[in-house]
Amino acid sequence: MEHVQKYGCAFLNSDGGVLMAGILDNGRVCGIFCPDRMRREVVNSIDKEFSYFLPKVPSNFYQWKIERRRIEKLQEVNETETDVDTEKKKNTNKVTSPKRSLNKEDLRKSLTSSA
């Protein structure tokens, strides 16, 4: 729950954000096995962590969503396969599927869209 504290605080002090689990720092989707009991524990832990924040965080300031998703065979991406836009000095990590490349924004959209 360290991530909930760290990123929850950062999101509350900025324009918000999305904390996704099961995705490595290099953009590789590894997934998480999360049975129903564990889902309930995660939800309770998130609510508990936000209850410790001062000043108190109203429950309508955050939301959680746990979806059952099955991600079929994605190729692994090495950290050296990072595209660098030299003009903007911006790194774009990509996850490669058998059909096409996804950047982080495409991946976020595909995971947060309704199934």
PDB file of N, CA and C in Angstrom:
ATOM      1  N   MET A   1       0.808  -1.200   0.000  1.00  0.00           N
ATOM      2  CA  MET A   1       0.000   0.000   0.000  1.00  0.00           C
ATOM      3  C   MET A   1       0.853   1.267   0.000  1.00  0.00           C
ATOM      4  N   GLU A   2       2.153   1.080  -0.008  1.00  0.00           N
ATOM      5  CA  GLU A   2       3.061   2.225  -0.080  1.00  0.00           C
ATOM      6  C   GLU A   2       2.780   3.064  -1.324  1.00  0.00           C
ATOM      7  N   HIS A   3       2.440   2.398  -2.440  1.00  0.00           N
ATOM      8  CA  HIS A   3       2.160   3.122  -3.683  1.00  0.00           C
ATOM      9  C   HIS A   3       0.901   3.976  -3.549  1.00  0.00           C
ATOM     10  N   VAL A   4      -0.092   3.474  -2.824  1.00  0.00           N
ATOM     11  CA  VAL A   4      -1.323   4.244  -2.631  1.00  0.00           C
ATOM     12  C   VAL A   4      -1.002   5.524  -1.873  1.00  0.00           C
ATOM     13  N   GLN A   5      -0.183   5.429  -0.825  1.00  0.00           N
ATOM     14  CA  GLN A   5       0.198   6.618  -0.058  1.00  0.00           C
ATOM     15  C   GLN A   5       0.976   7.600  -0.927  1.00  0.00           C
ATOM     16  N   LYS A   6       1.997   7.089  -1.596  1.00  0.00           N
ATOM     17  CA  LYS A   6       2.894   7.944  -2.379  1.00  0.00           C
ATOM     18  C   LYS A   6       2.163   8.616  -3.540  1.00  0.00           C
ATOM     19  N   TYR A   7       1.505   7.812  -4.370  1.00  0.00           N
ATOM     20  CA  TYR A   7       0.855   8.361  -5.554  1.00  0.00           C
ATOM     21  C   TYR A   7      -0.456   9.056  -5.209  1.00  0.00           C
ATOM     22  N   GLY A   8      -1.156   8.568  -4.199  1.00  0.00           N
ATOM     23  CA  GLY A   8      -2.377   9.243  -3.765  1.00  0.00           C
ATOM     24  C   GLY A   8      -2.089  10.669  -3.341  1.00  0.00           C
ATOM     25  N   CYS A   9      -1.021  10.852  -2.581  1.00  0.00           N
ATOM     26  CA  CYS A   9      -0.607  12.195  -2.159  1.00  0.00           C
ATOM     27  C   CYS A   9      -0.227  13.044  -3.369  1.00  0.00           C
ATOM     28  N   ALA A  10       0.530  12.464  -4.288  1.00  0.00           N
ATOM     29  CA  ALA A  10       0.941  13.201  -5.493  1.00  0.00           C
ATOM     30  C   ALA A  10      -0.264  13.594  -6.337  1.00  0.00           C
ATOM     31  N   PHE A  11      -1.211  12.669  -6.506  1.00  0.00           N
ATOM     32  CA  PHE A  11      -2.395  12.958  -7.311  1.00  0.00           C
ATOM     33  C   PHE A  11      -3.246  14.046  -6.667  1.00  0.00           C
ATOM     34  N   LEU A  12      -3.383  14.007  -5.343  1.00  0.00           N
ATOM     35  CA  LEU A  12      -4.184  15.013  -4.648  1.00  0.00           C
ATOM     36  C   LEU A  12      -3.545  16.398  -4.711  1.00  0.00           C
ATOM     37  N   ASN A  13      -2.230  16.445  -4.836  1.00  0.00           N
ATOM     38  CA  ASN A  13      -1.517  17.720  -4.915  1.00  0.00           C
ATOM     39  C   ASN A  13      -1.280  18.179  -6.344  1.00  0.00           C
ATOM     40  N   SER A  14      -1.914  17.520  -7.294  1.00  0.00           N
ATOM     41  CA  SER A  14      -1.760  17.900  -8.702  1.00  0.00           C
ATOM     42  C   SER A  14      -3.122  17.798  -9.381  1.00  0.00           C
ATOM     43  N   ASP A  15      -3.109  17.485 -10.654  1.00  0.00           N
ATOM     44  CA  ASP A  15      -4.358  17.367 -11.407  1.00  0.00           C
ATOM     45  C   ASP A  15      -4.927  15.959 -11.389  1.00  0.00           C
ATOM     46  N   GLY A  16      -4.469  15.120 -10.486  1.00  0.00           N
ATOM     47  CA  GLY A  16      -4.962  13.753 -10.408  1.00  0.00           C
ATOM     48  C   GLY A  16      -4.132  12.807 -11.245  1.00  0.00           C
ATOM     49  N   GLY A  17      -4.610  11.591 -11.400  1.00  0.00           N
ATOM     50  CA  GLY A  17      -3.885  10.596 -12.177  1.00  0.00           C
ATOM     51  C   GLY A  17      -4.517   9.231 -12.037  1.00  0.00           C
ATOM     52  N   VAL A  18      -3.864   8.250 -12.625  1.00  0.00           N
ATOM     53  CA  VAL A  18      -4.341   6.870 -12.594  1.00  0.00           C
ATOM     54  C   VAL A  18      -3.197   5.996 -12.118  1.00  0.00           C
ATOM     55  N   LEU A  19      -3.440   5.196 -11.102  1.00  0.00           N
ATOM     56  CA  LEU A  19      -2.451   4.244 -10.614  1.00  0.00           C
ATOM     57  C   LEU A  19      -2.868   2.866 -11.105  1.00  0.00           C
ATOM     58  N   MET A  20      -2.036   2.283 -11.947  1.00  0.00           N
ATOM     59  CA  MET A  20      -2.350   0.975 -12.521  1.00  0.00           C
ATOM     60  C   MET A  20      -1.384  -0.057 -11.964  1.00  0.00           C
ATOM     61  N   ALA A  21      -1.889  -1.229 -11.679  1.00  0.00           N
ATOM     62  CA  ALA A  21      -1.063  -2.326 -11.184  1.00  0.00           C
ATOM     63  C   ALA A  21      -0.876  -3.343 -12.299  1.00  0.00           C
ATOM     64  N   GLY A  22       0.232  -4.050 -12.249  1.00  0.00           N
ATOM     65  CA  GLY A  22       0.475  -5.093 -13.237  1.00  0.00           C
ATOM     66  C   GLY A  22       1.236  -4.631 -14.457  1.00  0.00           C
ATOM     67  N   ILE A  23       1.785  -3.410 -14.411  1.00  0.00           N
ATOM     68  CA  ILE A  23       2.574  -2.883 -15.523  1.00  0.00           C
ATOM     69  C   ILE A  23       3.933  -2.472 -14.965  1.00  0.00           C
ATOM     70  N   LEU A  24       4.992  -3.005 -15.550  1.00  0.00           N
ATOM     71  CA  LEU A  24       6.341  -2.701 -15.087  1.00  0.00           C
ATOM     72  C   LEU A  24       6.761  -1.300 -15.517  1.00  0.00           C
ATOM     73  N   ASP A  25       7.810  -0.779 -14.904  1.00  0.00           N
ATOM     74  CA  ASP A  25       8.300   0.565 -15.229  1.00  0.00           C
ATOM     75  C   ASP A  25       8.691   0.720 -16.688  1.00  0.00           C
ATOM     76  N   ASN A  26       9.100  -0.374 -17.329  1.00  0.00           N
ATOM     77  CA  ASN A  26       9.496  -0.285 -18.741  1.00  0.00           C
ATOM     78  C   ASN A  26       8.304  -0.407 -19.682  1.00  0.00           C
ATOM     79  N   GLY A  27       7.079  -0.473 -19.137  1.00  0.00           N
ATOM     80  CA  GLY A  27       5.879  -0.534 -19.954  1.00  0.00           C
ATOM     81  C   GLY A  27       5.383  -1.933 -20.232  1.00  0.00           C
ATOM     82  N   ARG A  28       6.115  -2.939 -19.793  1.00  0.00           N
ATOM     83  CA  ARG A  28       5.715  -4.326 -20.040  1.00  0.00           C
ATOM     84  C   ARG A  28       4.530  -4.683 -19.150  1.00  0.00           C
ATOM     85  N   VAL A  29       3.498  -5.246 -19.751  1.00  0.00           N
ATOM     86  CA  VAL A  29       2.320  -5.680 -19.015  1.00  0.00           C
ATOM     87  C   VAL A  29       2.579  -7.085 -18.504  1.00  0.00           C
ATOM     88  N   CYS A  30       2.619  -7.235 -17.185  1.00  0.00           N
ATOM     89  CA  CYS A  30       2.844  -8.564 -16.616  1.00  0.00           C
ATOM     90  C   CYS A  30       1.576  -9.099 -15.969  1.00  0.00           C
ATOM     91  N   GLY A  31       0.640  -8.226 -15.622  1.00  0.00           N
ATOM     92  CA  GLY A  31      -0.622  -8.652 -15.039  1.00  0.00           C
ATOM     93  C   GLY A  31      -0.491  -9.036 -13.578  1.00  0.00           C
ATOM     94  N   ILE A  32      -1.618  -9.231 -12.945  1.00  0.00           N
ATOM     95  CA  ILE A  32      -1.679  -9.633 -11.544  1.00  0.00           C
ATOM     96  C   ILE A  32      -2.828 -10.615 -11.400  1.00  0.00           C
ATOM     97  N   PHE A  33      -2.578 -11.719 -10.718  1.00  0.00           N
ATOM     98  CA  PHE A  33      -3.662 -12.639 -10.390  1.00  0.00           C
ATOM     99  C   PHE A  33      -4.309 -12.107  -9.121  1.00  0.00           C
ATOM    100  N   CYS A  34      -5.590 -11.820  -9.186  1.00  0.00           N
ATOM    101  CA  CYS A  34      -6.273 -11.172  -8.066  1.00  0.00           C
ATOM    102  C   CYS A  34      -7.627 -11.848  -7.830  1.00  0.00           C
ATOM    103  N   PRO A  35      -7.659 -12.894  -6.983  1.00  0.00           N
ATOM    104  CA  PRO A  35      -8.937 -13.545  -6.683  1.00  0.00           C
ATOM    105  C   PRO A  35      -9.881 -12.591  -5.940  1.00  0.00           C
ATOM    106  N   ASP A  36     -11.160 -12.947  -5.884  1.00  0.00           N
ATOM    107  CA  ASP A  36     -12.175 -12.072  -5.286  1.00  0.00           C
ATOM    108  C   ASP A  36     -11.816 -11.631  -3.868  1.00  0.00           C
ATOM    109  N   ARG A  37     -11.311 -12.553  -3.052  1.00  0.00           N
ATOM    110  CA  ARG A  37     -10.962 -12.195  -1.672  1.00  0.00           C
ATOM    111  C   ARG A  37      -9.879 -11.113  -1.658  1.00  0.00           C
ATOM    112  N   MET A  38      -8.902 -11.273  -2.519  1.00  0.00           N
ATOM    113  CA  MET A  38      -7.818 -10.292  -2.590  1.00  0.00           C
ATOM    114  C   MET A  38      -8.337  -8.942  -3.084  1.00  0.00           C
ATOM    115  N   ARG A  39      -9.288  -8.957  -4.004  1.00  0.00           N
ATOM    116  CA  ARG A  39      -9.898  -7.710  -4.494  1.00  0.00           C
ATOM    117  C   ARG A  39     -10.526  -6.928  -3.351  1.00  0.00           C
ATOM    118  N   ARG A  40     -11.284  -7.635  -2.510  1.00  0.00           N
ATOM    119  CA  ARG A  40     -11.922  -6.974  -1.362  1.00  0.00           C
ATOM    120  C   ARG A  40     -10.870  -6.381  -0.424  1.00  0.00           C
ATOM    121  N   GLU A  41      -9.783  -7.133  -0.203  1.00  0.00           N
ATOM    122  CA  GLU A  41      -8.707  -6.646   0.661  1.00  0.00           C
ATOM    123  C   GLU A  41      -8.046  -5.400   0.066  1.00  0.00           C
ATOM    124  N   VAL A  42      -7.850  -5.393  -1.240  1.00  0.00           N
ATOM    125  CA  VAL A  42      -7.240  -4.237  -1.905  1.00  0.00           C
ATOM    126  C   VAL A  42      -8.137  -3.013  -1.751  1.00  0.00           C
ATOM    127  N   VAL A  43      -9.420  -3.173  -2.018  1.00  0.00           N
ATOM    128  CA  VAL A  43     -10.368  -2.056  -1.903  1.00  0.00           C
ATOM    129  C   VAL A  43     -10.387  -1.527  -0.471  1.00  0.00           C
ATOM    130  N   ASN A  44     -10.461  -2.421   0.511  1.00  0.00           N
ATOM    131  CA  ASN A  44     -10.466  -1.995   1.914  1.00  0.00           C
ATOM    132  C   ASN A  44      -9.166  -1.285   2.282  1.00  0.00           C
ATOM    133  N   SER A  45      -8.049  -1.781   1.770  1.00  0.00           N
ATOM    134  CA  SER A  45      -6.751  -1.164   2.055  1.00  0.00           C
ATOM    135  C   SER A  45      -6.649   0.233   1.452  1.00  0.00           C
ATOM    136  N   ILE A  46      -7.164   0.397   0.237  1.00  0.00           N
ATOM    137  CA  ILE A  46      -7.145   1.719  -0.402  1.00  0.00           C
ATOM    138  C   ILE A  46      -7.951   2.708   0.431  1.00  0.00           C
ATOM    139  N   ASP A  47      -9.163   2.323   0.804  1.00  0.00           N
ATOM    140  CA  ASP A  47      -9.997   3.203   1.630  1.00  0.00           C
ATOM    141  C   ASP A  47      -9.312   3.508   2.965  1.00  0.00           C
ATOM    142  N   LYS A  48      -8.680   2.499   3.556  1.00  0.00           N
ATOM    143  CA  LYS A  48      -7.992   2.687   4.835  1.00  0.00           C
ATOM    144  C   LYS A  48      -6.831   3.673   4.687  1.00  0.00           C
ATOM    145  N   GLU A  49      -6.027   3.515   3.633  1.00  0.00           N
ATOM    146  CA  GLU A  49      -4.884   4.414   3.422  1.00  0.00           C
ATOM    147  C   GLU A  49      -5.346   5.861   3.255  1.00  0.00           C
ATOM    148  N   PHE A  50      -6.416   6.075   2.504  1.00  0.00           N
ATOM    149  CA  PHE A  50      -6.911   7.438   2.322  1.00  0.00           C
ATOM    150  C   PHE A  50      -7.485   8.004   3.620  1.00  0.00           C
ATOM    151  N   SER A  51      -7.934   7.151   4.529  1.00  0.00           N
ATOM    152  CA  SER A  51      -8.471   7.642   5.803  1.00  0.00           C
ATOM    153  C   SER A  51      -7.379   8.237   6.689  1.00  0.00           C
ATOM    154  N   TYR A  52      -6.109   7.896   6.436  1.00  0.00           N
ATOM    155  CA  TYR A  52      -4.994   8.426   7.225  1.00  0.00           C
ATOM    156  C   TYR A  52      -4.542   9.812   6.767  1.00  0.00           C
ATOM    157  N   PHE A  53      -4.943  10.240   5.589  1.00  0.00           N
ATOM    158  CA  PHE A  53      -4.494  11.529   5.062  1.00  0.00           C
ATOM    159  C   PHE A  53      -5.068  12.672   5.898  1.00  0.00           C
ATOM    160  N   LEU A  54      -4.260  13.706   6.103  1.00  0.00           N
ATOM    161  CA  LEU A  54      -4.706  14.916   6.779  1.00  0.00           C
ATOM    162  C   LEU A  54      -4.388  16.104   5.890  1.00  0.00           C
ATOM    163  N   PRO A  55      -5.309  16.997   5.626  1.00  0.00           N
ATOM    164  CA  PRO A  55      -6.710  16.925   6.036  1.00  0.00           C
ATOM    165  C   PRO A  55      -7.412  15.737   5.377  1.00  0.00           C
ATOM    166  N   LYS A  56      -8.535  15.371   5.946  1.00  0.00           N
ATOM    167  CA  LYS A  56      -9.285  14.210   5.465  1.00  0.00           C
ATOM    168  C   LYS A  56      -9.642  14.368   3.992  1.00  0.00           C
ATOM    169  N   VAL A  57      -9.569  13.254   3.280  1.00  0.00           N
ATOM    170  CA  VAL A  57      -9.887  13.234   1.849  1.00  0.00           C
ATOM    171  C   VAL A  57     -11.321  12.736   1.688  1.00  0.00           C
ATOM    172  N   PRO A  58     -12.216  13.571   1.166  1.00  0.00           N
ATOM    173  CA  PRO A  58     -13.589  13.111   0.932  1.00  0.00           C
ATOM    174  C   PRO A  58     -13.593  11.928  -0.043  1.00  0.00           C
ATOM    175  N   SER A  59     -14.477  10.989   0.178  1.00  0.00           N
ATOM    176  CA  SER A  59     -14.500   9.783  -0.664  1.00  0.00           C
ATOM    177  C   SER A  59     -14.816  10.090  -2.124  1.00  0.00           C
ATOM    178  N   ASN A  60     -15.426  11.240  -2.408  1.00  0.00           N
ATOM    179  CA  ASN A  60     -15.703  11.577  -3.810  1.00  0.00           C
ATOM    180  C   ASN A  60     -14.474  12.163  -4.514  1.00  0.00           C
ATOM    181  N   PHE A  61     -13.344  12.313  -3.812  1.00  0.00           N
ATOM    182  CA  PHE A  61     -12.108  12.799  -4.421  1.00  0.00           C
ATOM    183  C   PHE A  61     -11.316  11.685  -5.087  1.00  0.00           C
ATOM    184  N   TYR A  62     -11.659  10.454  -4.822  1.00  0.00           N
ATOM    185  CA  TYR A  62     -10.940   9.340  -5.431  1.00  0.00           C
ATOM    186  C   TYR A  62     -11.921   8.224  -5.755  1.00  0.00           C
ATOM    187  N   GLN A  63     -11.527   7.415  -6.684  1.00  0.00           N
ATOM    188  CA  GLN A  63     -12.326   6.238  -7.019  1.00  0.00           C
ATOM    189  C   GLN A  63     -11.389   5.100  -7.360  1.00  0.00           C
ATOM    190  N   TRP A  64     -11.841   3.906  -7.179  1.00  0.00           N
ATOM    191  CA  TRP A  64     -11.064   2.739  -7.544  1.00  0.00           C
ATOM    192  C   TRP A  64     -11.904   1.885  -8.464  1.00  0.00           C
ATOM    193  N   LYS A  65     -11.231   1.184  -9.313  1.00  0.00           N
ATOM    194  CA  LYS A  65     -11.922   0.331 -10.273  1.00  0.00           C
ATOM    195  C   LYS A  65     -11.032  -0.879 -10.524  1.00  0.00           C
ATOM    196  N   ILE A  66     -11.552  -2.035 -10.246  1.00  0.00           N
ATOM    197  CA  ILE A  66     -10.810  -3.269 -10.506  1.00  0.00           C
ATOM    198  C   ILE A  66     -11.595  -4.035 -11.553  1.00  0.00           C
ATOM    199  N   GLU A  67     -10.955  -4.248 -12.679  1.00  0.00           N
ATOM    200  CA  GLU A  67     -11.620  -4.950 -13.773  1.00  0.00           C
ATOM    201  C   GLU A  67     -10.941  -6.280 -14.040  1.00  0.00           C
ATOM    202  N   ARG A  68     -11.727  -7.209 -14.456  1.00  0.00           N
ATOM    203  CA  ARG A  68     -11.155  -8.478 -14.912  1.00  0.00           C
ATOM    204  C   ARG A  68     -10.776  -8.293 -16.370  1.00  0.00           C
ATOM    205  N   ARG A  69      -9.512  -8.389 -16.632  1.00  0.00           N
ATOM    206  CA  ARG A  69      -9.005  -8.256 -18.002  1.00  0.00           C
ATOM    207  C   ARG A  69      -8.098  -9.427 -18.292  1.00  0.00           C
ATOM    208  N   ARG A  70      -8.174  -9.907 -19.480  1.00  0.00           N
ATOM    209  CA  ARG A  70      -7.246 -10.945 -19.919  1.00  0.00           C
ATOM    210  C   ARG A  70      -6.461 -10.363 -21.082  1.00  0.00           C
ATOM    211  N   ILE A  71      -5.173 -10.274 -20.908  1.00  0.00           N
ATOM    212  CA  ILE A  71      -4.326  -9.721 -21.956  1.00  0.00           C
ATOM    213  C   ILE A  71      -3.618 -10.879 -22.636  1.00  0.00           C
ATOM    214  N   GLU A  72      -3.905 -11.035 -23.893  1.00  0.00           N
ATOM    215  CA  GLU A  72      -3.317 -12.133 -24.656  1.00  0.00           C
ATOM    216  C   GLU A  72      -1.905 -11.798 -25.076  1.00  0.00           C
ATOM    217  N   LYS A  73      -1.091 -12.768 -25.090  1.00  0.00           N
ATOM    218  CA  LYS A  73       0.292 -12.786 -25.561  1.00  0.00           C
ATOM    219  C   LYS A  73       0.850 -11.450 -26.065  1.00  0.00           C
ATOM    220  N   LEU A  74       1.522 -10.753 -25.190  1.00  0.00           N
ATOM    221  CA  LEU A  74       2.250  -9.548 -25.580  1.00  0.00           C
ATOM    222  C   LEU A  74       3.733  -9.891 -25.601  1.00  0.00           C
ATOM    223  N   GLN A  75       4.420  -9.422 -26.596  1.00  0.00           N
ATOM    224  CA  GLN A  75       5.854  -9.666 -26.655  1.00  0.00           C
ATOM    225  C   GLN A  75       6.542  -8.819 -25.598  1.00  0.00           C
ATOM    226  N   GLU A  76       7.608  -9.366 -25.032  1.00  0.00           N
ATOM    227  CA  GLU A  76       8.372  -8.613 -24.049  1.00  0.00           C
ATOM    228  C   GLU A  76       9.187  -7.536 -24.752  1.00  0.00           C
ATOM    229  N   VAL A  77       9.329  -6.413 -24.087  1.00  0.00           N
ATOM    230  CA  VAL A  77      10.100  -5.308 -24.636  1.00  0.00           C
ATOM    231  C   VAL A  77      11.316  -5.101 -23.749  1.00  0.00           C
ATOM    232  N   ASN A  78      12.482  -5.078 -24.338  1.00  0.00           N
ATOM    233  CA  ASN A  78      13.700  -4.799 -23.581  1.00  0.00           C
ATOM    234  C   ASN A  78      13.773  -3.313 -23.296  1.00  0.00           C
ATOM    235  N   GLU A  79      14.407  -2.951 -22.194  1.00  0.00           N
ATOM    236  CA  GLU A  79      14.541  -1.531 -21.856  1.00  0.00           C
ATOM    237  C   GLU A  79      15.318  -0.775 -22.924  1.00  0.00           C
ATOM    238  N   THR A  80      16.145  -1.472 -23.689  1.00  0.00           N
ATOM    239  CA  THR A  80      16.917  -0.809 -24.739  1.00  0.00           C
ATOM    240  C   THR A  80      16.065  -0.469 -25.948  1.00  0.00           C
ATOM    241  N   GLU A  81      14.835  -0.961 -26.007  1.00  0.00           N
ATOM    242  CA  GLU A  81      13.953  -0.684 -27.136  1.00  0.00           C
ATOM    243  C   GLU A  81      13.109   0.557 -26.888  1.00  0.00           C
ATOM    244  N   THR A  82      13.657   1.533 -26.190  1.00  0.00           N
ATOM    245  CA  THR A  82      12.962   2.783 -25.909  1.00  0.00           C
ATOM    246  C   THR A  82      13.261   3.775 -27.020  1.00  0.00           C
ATOM    247  N   ASP A  83      12.197   4.327 -27.610  1.00  0.00           N
ATOM    248  CA  ASP A  83      12.368   5.353 -28.637  1.00  0.00           C
ATOM    249  C   ASP A  83      12.695   6.674 -27.953  1.00  0.00           C
ATOM    250  N   VAL A  84      13.632   7.402 -28.483  1.00  0.00           N
ATOM    251  CA  VAL A  84      13.979   8.707 -27.921  1.00  0.00           C
ATOM    252  C   VAL A  84      13.772   9.766 -28.988  1.00  0.00           C
ATOM    253  N   ASP A  85      12.913  10.721 -28.684  1.00  0.00           N
ATOM    254  CA  ASP A  85      12.692  11.851 -29.569  1.00  0.00           C
ATOM    255  C   ASP A  85      13.739  12.900 -29.190  1.00  0.00           C
ATOM    256  N   THR A  86      14.792  13.025 -29.983  1.00  0.00           N
ATOM    257  CA  THR A  86      15.910  13.893 -29.611  1.00  0.00           C
ATOM    258  C   THR A  86      15.544  15.366 -29.613  1.00  0.00           C
ATOM    259  N   GLU A  87      14.573  15.770 -30.420  1.00  0.00           N
ATOM    260  CA  GLU A  87      14.182  17.183 -30.430  1.00  0.00           C
ATOM    261  C   GLU A  87      13.540  17.578 -29.107  1.00  0.00           C
ATOM    262  N   LYS A  88      12.638  16.757 -28.630  1.00  0.00           N
ATOM    263  CA  LYS A  88      11.906  17.080 -27.412  1.00  0.00           C
ATOM    264  C   LYS A  88      12.543  16.455 -26.176  1.00  0.00           C
ATOM    265  N   LYS A  89      13.553  15.605 -26.368  1.00  0.00           N
ATOM    266  CA  LYS A  89      14.205  14.898 -25.265  1.00  0.00           C
ATOM    267  C   LYS A  89      13.176  14.138 -24.433  1.00  0.00           C
ATOM    268  N   LYS A  90      12.260  13.494 -25.130  1.00  0.00           N
ATOM    269  CA  LYS A  90      11.173  12.795 -24.463  1.00  0.00           C
ATOM    270  C   LYS A  90      11.289  11.303 -24.743  1.00  0.00           C
ATOM    271  N   ASN A  91      11.261  10.489 -23.693  1.00  0.00           N
ATOM    272  CA  ASN A  91      11.305   9.040 -23.865  1.00  0.00           C
ATOM    273  C   ASN A  91       9.893   8.505 -24.018  1.00  0.00           C
ATOM    274  N   THR A  92       9.715   7.590 -24.932  1.00  0.00           N
ATOM    275  CA  THR A  92       8.432   6.939 -25.121  1.00  0.00           C
ATOM    276  C   THR A  92       8.658   5.441 -25.081  1.00  0.00           C
ATOM    277  N   ASN A  93       8.247   4.815 -23.988  1.00  0.00           N
ATOM    278  CA  ASN A  93       8.366   3.367 -23.894  1.00  0.00           C
ATOM    279  C   ASN A  93       7.199   2.738 -24.636  1.00  0.00           C
ATOM    280  N   LYS A  94       7.465   1.669 -25.342  1.00  0.00           N
ATOM    281  CA  LYS A  94       6.409   1.012 -26.095  1.00  0.00           C
ATOM    282  C   LYS A  94       6.302  -0.452 -25.705  1.00  0.00           C
ATOM    283  N   VAL A  95       5.076  -0.942 -25.677  1.00  0.00           N
ATOM    284  CA  VAL A  95       4.819  -2.362 -25.510  1.00  0.00           C
ATOM    285  C   VAL A  95       4.418  -2.872 -26.875  1.00  0.00           C
ATOM    286  N   THR A  96       5.025  -3.937 -27.317  1.00  0.00           N
ATOM    287  CA  THR A  96       4.784  -4.431 -28.665  1.00  0.00           C
ATOM    288  C   THR A  96       3.876  -5.649 -28.621  1.00  0.00           C
ATOM    289  N   SER A  97       2.800  -5.596 -29.375  1.00  0.00           N
ATOM    290  CA  SER A  97       1.928  -6.755 -29.524  1.00  0.00           C
ATOM    291  C   SER A  97       2.228  -7.374 -30.877  1.00  0.00           C
ATOM    292  N   PRO A  98       1.718  -8.572 -31.132  1.00  0.00           N
ATOM    293  CA  PRO A  98       1.975  -9.171 -32.432  1.00  0.00           C
ATOM    294  C   PRO A  98       1.478  -8.329 -33.602  1.00  0.00           C
ATOM    295  N   LYS A  99       0.466  -7.481 -33.411  1.00  0.00           N
ATOM    296  CA  LYS A  99      -0.112  -6.717 -34.516  1.00  0.00           C
ATOM    297  C   LYS A  99       0.477  -5.318 -34.662  1.00  0.00           C
ATOM    298  N   ARG A 100       0.674  -4.600 -33.549  1.00  0.00           N
ATOM    299  CA  ARG A 100       1.129  -3.217 -33.644  1.00  0.00           C
ATOM    300  C   ARG A 100       1.774  -2.789 -32.331  1.00  0.00           C
ATOM    301  N   SER A 101       2.383  -1.614 -32.342  1.00  0.00           N
ATOM    302  CA  SER A 101       3.018  -1.069 -31.143  1.00  0.00           C
ATOM    303  C   SER A 101       2.028  -0.194 -30.390  1.00  0.00           C
ATOM    304  N   LEU A 102       2.100  -0.244 -29.068  1.00  0.00           N
ATOM    305  CA  LEU A 102       1.274   0.608 -28.221  1.00  0.00           C
ATOM    306  C   LEU A 102       2.196   1.478 -27.391  1.00  0.00           C
ATOM    307  N   ASN A 103       1.921   2.777 -27.355  1.00  0.00           N
ATOM    308  CA  ASN A 103       2.662   3.601 -26.408  1.00  0.00           C
ATOM    309  C   ASN A 103       1.908   3.567 -25.082  1.00  0.00           C
ATOM    310  N   LYS A 104       2.450   4.200 -24.054  1.00  0.00           N
ATOM    311  CA  LYS A 104       1.827   4.123 -22.727  1.00  0.00           C
ATOM    312  C   LYS A 104       0.402   4.667 -22.729  1.00  0.00           C
ATOM    313  N   GLU A 105       0.149   5.735 -23.475  1.00  0.00           N
ATOM    314  CA  GLU A 105      -1.197   6.322 -23.518  1.00  0.00           C
ATOM    315  C   GLU A 105      -2.186   5.362 -24.171  1.00  0.00           C
ATOM    316  N   ASP A 106      -1.785   4.729 -25.282  1.00  0.00           N
ATOM    317  CA  ASP A 106      -2.651   3.741 -25.930  1.00  0.00           C
ATOM    318  C   ASP A 106      -2.942   2.584 -24.990  1.00  0.00           C
ATOM    319  N   LEU A 107      -1.926   2.144 -24.262  1.00  0.00           N
ATOM    320  CA  LEU A 107      -2.095   1.039 -23.330  1.00  0.00           C
ATOM    321  C   LEU A 107      -3.062   1.427 -22.223  1.00  0.00           C
ATOM    322  N   ARG A 108      -2.901   2.639 -21.677  1.00  0.00           N
ATOM    323  CA  ARG A 108      -3.801   3.105 -20.621  1.00  0.00           C
ATOM    324  C   ARG A 108      -5.241   3.145 -21.122  1.00  0.00           C
ATOM    325  N   LYS A 109      -5.434   3.678 -22.336  1.00  0.00           N
ATOM    326  CA  LYS A 109      -6.780   3.754 -22.901  1.00  0.00           C
ATOM    327  C   LYS A 109      -7.378   2.369 -23.098  1.00  0.00           C
ATOM    328  N   SER A 110      -6.569   1.434 -23.589  1.00  0.00           N
ATOM    329  CA  SER A 110      -7.096   0.094 -23.849  1.00  0.00           C
ATOM    330  C   SER A 110      -7.462  -0.617 -22.557  1.00  0.00           C
ATOM    331  N   LEU A 111      -6.737  -0.355 -21.472  1.00  0.00           N
ATOM    332  CA  LEU A 111      -7.031  -1.016 -20.206  1.00  0.00           C
ATOM    333  C   LEU A 111      -8.161  -0.346 -19.446  1.00  0.00           C
ATOM    334  N   THR A 112      -8.395   0.948 -19.684  1.00  0.00           N
ATOM    335  CA  THR A 112      -9.449   1.645 -18.951  1.00  0.00           C
ATOM    336  C   THR A 112     -10.759   1.724 -19.721  1.00  0.00           C
ATOM    337  N   SER A 113     -10.744   1.335 -20.998  1.00  0.00           N
ATOM    338  CA  SER A 113     -11.991   1.344 -21.763  1.00  0.00           C
ATOM    339  C   SER A 113     -12.845   0.158 -21.347  1.00  0.00           C
ATOM    340  N   SER A 114     -14.119   0.259 -21.568  1.00  0.00           N
ATOM    341  CA  SER A 114     -15.007  -0.837 -21.166  1.00  0.00           C
ATOM    342  C   SER A 114     -14.783  -2.042 -22.056  1.00  0.00           C
ATOM    343  N   ALA A 115     -14.915  -3.199 -21.435  1.00  0.00           N
ATOM    344  CA  ALA A 115     -14.655  -4.457 -22.157  1.00  0.00           C
ATOM    345  C   ALA A 115     -15.789  -4.806 -23.081  1.00  0.00           C
TER     346      ALA A 115
END
